[in-house]
């Protein structure tokens, strides 16, 4: 799964976004590697986070609004990472959150994304402000509670 996936390509054609190099994505993966892990995902029993489950009609605007008071809510953009060594996607926070299921369609297991800012056309990755997407919803890291 990456930015060339058919669903991601279609999404990119209809949304304002940019592709960023695998070096930017690596910043997130490097940060994740500093945290406690279970077998295949972050160990949330040892990492502070808040679970935002999907509802019947989610992800939708009402669901997206639940991120306002989280670390992701501090950023206007989100970097969607797929894997180490792969380019990532940066787009408006609310657009990404509303379409997480599309952006990670067919991707097995937990997937990770983080806040991003753009300053004078440079993407600044906020790796500490990350979240995990899975079939159960999203868990947002709360670094200030760590």
C-alpha atoms as a PDB file:
ATOM      1  CA  UNK A   1       0.000   0.000   0.000  1.00  0.00           C
ATOM      2  CA  UNK A   2       1.378   3.406  -0.971  1.00  0.00           C
ATOM      3  CA  UNK A   3       0.590   6.632  -2.804  1.00  0.00           C
ATOM      4  CA  UNK A   4       0.312   4.710  -6.096  1.00  0.00           C
ATOM      5  CA  UNK A   5      -2.569   2.543  -4.831  1.00  0.00           C
ATOM      6  CA  UNK A   6      -5.594   2.992  -7.130  1.00  0.00           C
ATOM      7  CA  UNK A   7      -7.773   4.414  -4.342  1.00  0.00           C
ATOM      8  CA  UNK A   8      -5.072   6.820  -3.180  1.00  0.00           C
ATOM      9  CA  UNK A   9      -4.374   7.961  -6.744  1.00  0.00           C
ATOM     10  CA  UNK A  10      -8.076   8.659  -7.292  1.00  0.00           C
ATOM     11  CA  UNK A  11      -8.209  10.573  -3.997  1.00  0.00           C
ATOM     12  CA  UNK A  12      -5.133  12.606  -4.948  1.00  0.00           C
ATOM     13  CA  UNK A  13      -6.846  13.627  -8.199  1.00  0.00           C
ATOM     14  CA  UNK A  14      -9.760  15.188  -6.297  1.00  0.00           C
ATOM     15  CA  UNK A  15      -7.991  16.771  -3.302  1.00  0.00           C
ATOM     16  CA  UNK A  16      -5.347  19.384  -2.755  1.00  0.00           C
ATOM     17  CA  UNK A  17      -2.358  17.444  -1.488  1.00  0.00           C
ATOM     18  CA  UNK A  18       1.337  16.932  -1.993  1.00  0.00           C
ATOM     19  CA  UNK A  19       3.629  13.963  -2.072  1.00  0.00           C
ATOM     20  CA  UNK A  20       6.610  14.177   0.278  1.00  0.00           C
ATOM     21  CA  UNK A  21       9.750  12.100   0.141  1.00  0.00           C
ATOM     22  CA  UNK A  22      10.311   8.953   2.123  1.00  0.00           C
ATOM     23  CA  UNK A  23      12.748  10.982   4.245  1.00  0.00           C
ATOM     24  CA  UNK A  24       9.840  12.953   5.698  1.00  0.00           C
ATOM     25  CA  UNK A  25       7.906   9.738   6.371  1.00  0.00           C
ATOM     26  CA  UNK A  26      10.989   8.267   8.032  1.00  0.00           C
ATOM     27  CA  UNK A  27      10.806  10.988  10.683  1.00  0.00           C
ATOM     28  CA  UNK A  28       7.528   9.460  11.847  1.00  0.00           C
ATOM     29  CA  UNK A  29       8.820   5.884  11.740  1.00  0.00           C
ATOM     30  CA  UNK A  30      11.969   6.881  13.646  1.00  0.00           C
ATOM     31  CA  UNK A  31       9.823   8.445  16.371  1.00  0.00           C
ATOM     32  CA  UNK A  32       7.528   5.418  16.523  1.00  0.00           C
ATOM     33  CA  UNK A  33      10.570   3.210  17.061  1.00  0.00           C
ATOM     34  CA  UNK A  34      11.297   5.074  20.321  1.00  0.00           C
ATOM     35  CA  UNK A  35       7.967   3.959  21.819  1.00  0.00           C
ATOM     36  CA  UNK A  36       6.950   0.642  23.415  1.00  0.00           C
ATOM     37  CA  UNK A  37       5.643  -1.896  20.909  1.00  0.00           C
ATOM     38  CA  UNK A  38       3.530  -5.009  21.141  1.00  0.00           C
ATOM     39  CA  UNK A  39       3.843  -7.694  18.488  1.00  0.00           C
ATOM     40  CA  UNK A  40       2.564  -5.613  15.558  1.00  0.00           C
ATOM     41  CA  UNK A  41       1.558  -2.206  16.883  1.00  0.00           C
ATOM     42  CA  UNK A  42       2.228   0.438  19.503  1.00  0.00           C
ATOM     43  CA  UNK A  43       1.613  -0.858  23.023  1.00  0.00           C
ATOM     44  CA  UNK A  44      -1.142   1.532  24.075  1.00  0.00           C
ATOM     45  CA  UNK A  45      -1.106   0.202  27.638  1.00  0.00           C
ATOM     46  CA  UNK A  46       2.326   1.855  27.961  1.00  0.00           C
ATOM     47  CA  UNK A  47       1.723   4.828  25.638  1.00  0.00           C
ATOM     48  CA  UNK A  48      -0.779   7.599  26.445  1.00  0.00           C
ATOM     49  CA  UNK A  49      -3.533   7.919  23.891  1.00  0.00           C
ATOM     50  CA  UNK A  50      -7.214   8.506  23.351  1.00  0.00           C
ATOM     51  CA  UNK A  51      -9.353   6.096  21.324  1.00  0.00           C
ATOM     52  CA  UNK A  52     -11.804   7.606  18.850  1.00  0.00           C
ATOM     53  CA  UNK A  53     -13.940   4.708  17.574  1.00  0.00           C
ATOM     54  CA  UNK A  54     -15.770   4.697  14.287  1.00  0.00           C
ATOM     55  CA  UNK A  55     -19.551   5.054  14.432  1.00  0.00           C
ATOM     56  CA  UNK A  56     -22.175   3.855  11.993  1.00  0.00           C
ATOM     57  CA  UNK A  57     -21.542   6.662   9.501  1.00  0.00           C
ATOM     58  CA  UNK A  58     -17.869   7.332  10.123  1.00  0.00           C
ATOM     59  CA  UNK A  59     -15.502   8.751   9.192  1.00  0.00           C
ATOM     60  CA  UNK A  60     -17.696  11.774   8.592  1.00  0.00           C
ATOM     61  CA  UNK A  61     -17.681  15.449   9.682  1.00  0.00           C
ATOM     62  CA  UNK A  62     -19.151  14.731  13.124  1.00  0.00           C
ATOM     63  CA  UNK A  63     -16.451  12.108  13.696  1.00  0.00           C
ATOM     64  CA  UNK A  64     -13.711  14.383  12.319  1.00  0.00           C
ATOM     65  CA  UNK A  65     -14.759  17.045  14.829  1.00  0.00           C
ATOM     66  CA  UNK A  66     -13.725  14.756  17.696  1.00  0.00           C
ATOM     67  CA  UNK A  67     -10.081  15.430  16.812  1.00  0.00           C
ATOM     68  CA  UNK A  68     -10.300  19.176  17.529  1.00  0.00           C
ATOM     69  CA  UNK A  69      -8.966  18.908  21.085  1.00  0.00           C
ATOM     70  CA  UNK A  70      -6.281  16.319  20.307  1.00  0.00           C
ATOM     71  CA  UNK A  71      -2.650  16.901  19.311  1.00  0.00           C
ATOM     72  CA  UNK A  72      -3.687  16.340  15.674  1.00  0.00           C
ATOM     73  CA  UNK A  73      -6.114  19.240  16.021  1.00  0.00           C
ATOM     74  CA  UNK A  74      -3.179  21.633  16.473  1.00  0.00           C
ATOM     75  CA  UNK A  75      -2.118  21.067  12.869  1.00  0.00           C
ATOM     76  CA  UNK A  76      -3.753  22.166   9.634  1.00  0.00           C
ATOM     77  CA  UNK A  77      -2.234  19.231   7.754  1.00  0.00           C
ATOM     78  CA  UNK A  78      -1.648  15.523   8.209  1.00  0.00           C
ATOM     79  CA  UNK A  79       1.084  13.368   6.763  1.00  0.00           C
ATOM     80  CA  UNK A  80      -0.222   9.958   5.741  1.00  0.00           C
ATOM     81  CA  UNK A  81       2.665   7.494   5.931  1.00  0.00           C
ATOM     82  CA  UNK A  82       2.597   4.056   4.379  1.00  0.00           C
ATOM     83  CA  UNK A  83       5.920   2.371   5.126  1.00  0.00           C
ATOM     84  CA  UNK A  84       9.580   3.135   5.702  1.00  0.00           C
ATOM     85  CA  UNK A  85      11.253   3.882   2.394  1.00  0.00           C
ATOM     86  CA  UNK A  86       7.966   4.966   0.774  1.00  0.00           C
ATOM     87  CA  UNK A  87       6.829   8.471  -0.080  1.00  0.00           C
ATOM     88  CA  UNK A  88       4.041   9.938   2.025  1.00  0.00           C
ATOM     89  CA  UNK A  89       1.066  12.166   1.383  1.00  0.00           C
ATOM     90  CA  UNK A  90       0.350  15.532   3.040  1.00  0.00           C
ATOM     91  CA  UNK A  91      -3.104  17.084   2.857  1.00  0.00           C
ATOM     92  CA  UNK A  92      -5.566  19.145   4.884  1.00  0.00           C
ATOM     93  CA  UNK A  93      -6.297  17.569   8.266  1.00  0.00           C
ATOM     94  CA  UNK A  94     -10.066  17.361   7.883  1.00  0.00           C
ATOM     95  CA  UNK A  95      -9.860  15.936   4.353  1.00  0.00           C
ATOM     96  CA  UNK A  96      -7.492  13.205   5.493  1.00  0.00           C
ATOM     97  CA  UNK A  97      -9.501  12.316   8.593  1.00  0.00           C
ATOM     98  CA  UNK A  98     -12.747  12.151   6.621  1.00  0.00           C
ATOM     99  CA  UNK A  99     -11.177   9.738   4.139  1.00  0.00           C
ATOM    100  CA  UNK A 100      -8.813   7.603   6.217  1.00  0.00           C
ATOM    101  CA  UNK A 101     -10.616   4.463   5.129  1.00  0.00           C
ATOM    102  CA  UNK A 102      -9.912   5.330   1.477  1.00  0.00           C
ATOM    103  CA  UNK A 103      -6.318   6.431   2.073  1.00  0.00           C
ATOM    104  CA  UNK A 104      -5.545   3.131   3.811  1.00  0.00           C
ATOM    105  CA  UNK A 105      -7.875   0.907   1.746  1.00  0.00           C
ATOM    106  CA  UNK A 106      -6.564  -2.629   1.614  1.00  0.00           C
ATOM    107  CA  UNK A 107      -3.681  -1.935   3.994  1.00  0.00           C
ATOM    108  CA  UNK A 108      -3.441  -4.678   6.614  1.00  0.00           C
ATOM    109  CA  UNK A 109      -2.914  -3.984  10.291  1.00  0.00           C
ATOM    110  CA  UNK A 110      -2.374  -0.731  12.105  1.00  0.00           C
ATOM    111  CA  UNK A 111      -1.299   2.310  10.073  1.00  0.00           C
ATOM    112  CA  UNK A 112       0.293   5.510  11.327  1.00  0.00           C
ATOM    113  CA  UNK A 113      -0.091   9.170  10.404  1.00  0.00           C
ATOM    114  CA  UNK A 114       0.868  12.424  12.086  1.00  0.00           C
ATOM    115  CA  UNK A 115       0.328  16.140  12.182  1.00  0.00           C
ATOM    116  CA  UNK A 116       2.200  18.358   9.760  1.00  0.00           C
ATOM    117  CA  UNK A 117       2.650  22.056   9.186  1.00  0.00           C
ATOM    118  CA  UNK A 118       3.722  23.960   6.105  1.00  0.00           C
ATOM    119  CA  UNK A 119       6.025  26.940   6.529  1.00  0.00           C
ATOM    120  CA  UNK A 120       7.154  28.813   3.416  1.00  0.00           C
ATOM    121  CA  UNK A 121       6.368  25.761   1.268  1.00  0.00           C
ATOM    122  CA  UNK A 122       8.366  23.425   3.549  1.00  0.00           C
ATOM    123  CA  UNK A 123       6.582  20.518   5.237  1.00  0.00           C
ATOM    124  CA  UNK A 124       7.384  20.228   8.930  1.00  0.00           C
ATOM    125  CA  UNK A 125       6.562  16.811  10.326  1.00  0.00           C
ATOM    126  CA  UNK A 126       5.114  16.688  13.857  1.00  0.00           C
ATOM    127  CA  UNK A 127       5.906  13.025  14.514  1.00  0.00           C
ATOM    128  CA  UNK A 128       5.059  13.188  18.220  1.00  0.00           C
ATOM    129  CA  UNK A 129       1.502  14.195  17.270  1.00  0.00           C
ATOM    130  CA  UNK A 130       0.736  10.869  15.603  1.00  0.00           C
ATOM    131  CA  UNK A 131      -2.209   8.514  15.524  1.00  0.00           C
ATOM    132  CA  UNK A 132      -2.849   4.887  14.720  1.00  0.00           C
ATOM    133  CA  UNK A 133      -5.601   3.856  12.297  1.00  0.00           C
ATOM    134  CA  UNK A 134      -7.111   0.370  12.463  1.00  0.00           C
ATOM    135  CA  UNK A 135     -10.443  -1.337  11.917  1.00  0.00           C
ATOM    136  CA  UNK A 136     -11.482  -0.231  15.423  1.00  0.00           C
ATOM    137  CA  UNK A 137     -11.002   3.476  14.808  1.00  0.00           C
ATOM    138  CA  UNK A 138      -8.129   5.799  15.626  1.00  0.00           C
ATOM    139  CA  UNK A 139      -5.951   6.116  18.712  1.00  0.00           C
ATOM    140  CA  UNK A 140      -4.367   9.560  19.015  1.00  0.00           C
ATOM    141  CA  UNK A 141      -1.077   9.852  20.913  1.00  0.00           C
ATOM    142  CA  UNK A 142      -1.204  12.252  23.849  1.00  0.00           C
ATOM    143  CA  UNK A 143       2.502  13.046  24.359  1.00  0.00           C
ATOM    144  CA  UNK A 144       1.799  15.690  26.979  1.00  0.00           C
ATOM    145  CA  UNK A 145       0.394  12.922  29.204  1.00  0.00           C
ATOM    146  CA  UNK A 146       3.475  10.697  28.845  1.00  0.00           C
END
